[in-house]
Protein backbone atom coordinates (compact mmCIF):
# COMPACT_ATOMS: atom_id res chain seq x y z
CA UNK A 1 -1.12 23.45 21.16
CA UNK A 2 -3.53 21.53 18.88
CA UNK A 3 -6.61 20.08 20.54
CA UNK A 4 -8.91 17.41 19.15
CA UNK A 5 -12.28 16.27 20.50
CA UNK A 6 -12.48 12.47 20.53
CA UNK A 7 -14.59 9.51 21.66
CA UNK A 8 -13.55 6.00 22.49
CA UNK A 9 -16.05 3.15 22.53
CA UNK A 10 -15.23 -0.17 24.20
CA UNK A 11 -17.73 -3.02 24.27
CA UNK A 12 -18.04 -6.29 26.17
CA UNK A 13 -15.62 -5.34 28.96
CA UNK A 14 -15.53 -8.14 31.50
CA UNK A 15 -13.33 -9.71 34.14
CA UNK A 16 -10.06 -8.94 32.32
CA UNK A 17 -9.04 -5.30 32.93
CA UNK A 18 -9.09 -3.21 29.74
CA UNK A 19 -7.09 -0.03 29.22
CA UNK A 20 -9.72 2.09 27.48
CA UNK A 21 -7.43 5.12 27.13
CA UNK A 22 -3.63 5.20 27.21
CA UNK A 23 -1.90 8.50 26.46
CA UNK A 24 1.24 8.28 24.33
CA UNK A 25 4.30 10.49 24.72
CA UNK A 26 3.62 14.09 23.78
CA UNK A 27 -0.15 13.86 24.33
CA UNK A 28 -2.45 14.73 27.22
CA UNK A 29 -6.19 14.37 27.61
CA UNK A 30 -9.04 15.93 29.51
CA UNK A 31 -11.85 13.44 29.94
CA UNK A 32 -15.16 15.30 29.82
CA UNK A 33 -17.59 12.36 29.88
CA UNK A 34 -17.63 8.68 30.82
CA UNK A 35 -20.72 6.49 30.48
CA UNK A 36 -20.76 2.84 31.60
CA UNK A 37 -23.64 0.61 30.50
CA UNK A 38 -24.53 -2.80 31.91
CA UNK A 39 -25.40 -4.82 28.80
CA UNK A 40 -26.69 -7.89 30.63
CA UNK A 41 -30.39 -8.66 30.80
CA UNK A 42 -30.51 -10.08 34.34
CA UNK A 43 -27.24 -9.49 36.23
CA UNK A 44 -26.41 -6.59 38.51
CA UNK A 45 -22.69 -5.96 38.02
CA UNK A 46 -19.91 -4.26 39.96
CA UNK A 47 -17.41 -2.18 38.03
CA UNK A 48 -14.02 -0.74 39.00
CA UNK A 49 -12.46 2.18 37.15
CA UNK A 50 -8.77 2.90 37.67
CA UNK A 51 -6.61 5.85 36.72
CA UNK A 52 -3.15 4.74 35.67
CA UNK A 53 -0.66 7.43 36.62
CA UNK A 54 2.37 8.53 34.62
CA UNK A 55 4.41 6.25 36.89
CA UNK A 56 2.23 3.19 35.99
CA UNK A 57 0.64 3.07 39.45
CA UNK A 58 -3.09 2.26 39.32
CA UNK A 59 -5.48 3.98 41.71
CA UNK A 60 -9.23 3.58 42.01
CA UNK A 61 -11.32 6.34 40.45
CA UNK A 62 -14.48 4.32 41.19
CA UNK A 63 -14.54 1.08 43.18
CA UNK A 64 -17.40 -1.42 43.21
CA UNK A 65 -19.85 0.72 41.25
CA UNK A 66 -23.11 -1.25 41.15
CA UNK A 67 -25.00 -1.04 37.85
CA UNK A 68 -28.39 -2.79 37.51
CA UNK A 69 -29.16 -4.83 34.37
CA UNK A 70 -29.93 -2.81 31.22
CA UNK A 71 -28.87 0.43 32.96
CA UNK A 72 -26.14 3.01 32.54
CA UNK A 73 -24.17 5.29 34.85
CA UNK A 74 -22.23 8.47 34.11
CA UNK A 75 -19.13 8.69 36.29
CA UNK A 76 -17.87 12.05 34.99
CA UNK A 77 -20.68 14.63 34.97
CA UNK A 78 -21.72 18.17 35.87
CA UNK A 79 -18.60 19.85 34.54
CA UNK A 80 -16.23 17.50 36.35
CA UNK A 81 -13.08 16.71 34.37
CA UNK A 82 -10.32 14.14 34.68
CA UNK A 83 -6.86 15.12 33.47
CA UNK A 84 -4.55 12.46 32.01
CA UNK A 85 -0.93 13.50 31.39
CA UNK A 86 1.28 11.65 28.92
CA UNK A 87 1.75 7.96 29.79
CA UNK A 88 -1.41 8.02 31.96
CA UNK A 89 -4.55 6.03 31.23
CA UNK A 90 -7.94 4.75 32.26
CA UNK A 91 -8.68 1.05 32.99
CA UNK A 92 -12.06 -0.64 33.49
CA UNK A 93 -12.96 -4.10 34.82
CA UNK A 94 -16.24 -5.79 35.76
CA UNK A 95 -17.05 -8.73 38.03
CA UNK A 96 -19.09 -10.31 35.19
CA UNK A 97 -17.83 -11.47 31.80
CA UNK A 98 -18.67 -9.33 28.73
CA UNK A 99 -21.01 -7.05 30.68
CA UNK A 100 -19.94 -3.41 30.23
CA UNK A 101 -19.90 -0.98 27.33
CA UNK A 102 -17.91 2.22 27.96
CA UNK A 103 -18.19 5.45 25.98
CA UNK A 104 -15.63 8.08 26.87
CA UNK A 105 -15.46 11.62 25.49
CA UNK A 106 -12.23 13.55 25.81
CA UNK A 107 -10.14 16.40 24.49
CA UNK A 108 -6.70 15.32 23.30
CA UNK A 109 -3.96 17.94 23.56
CA UNK A 110 -0.66 17.57 21.74
């Protein structure tokens, strides 16, 4: 079972939900880090993070996370891990246009 350490960087996430990770057939992932940064200078934002299950059903992982301007929050920390089977994914949306940068570290297993 080959494993590869990867990062994904998504910038300017706003009011349109963005699938930041989507696992293809034959691949799984273990997310080992997720950092969300508010890139605005003056606006406090609220961010939702969804896990998209293998059956395409979206469930909240974090709902209404408040991030002050020019600040960042880690939502996967202290050894916590999030497992994504094939066809699963991670989606992020903010209540403010072009306001979030997301950096996600994960191990891809094929």
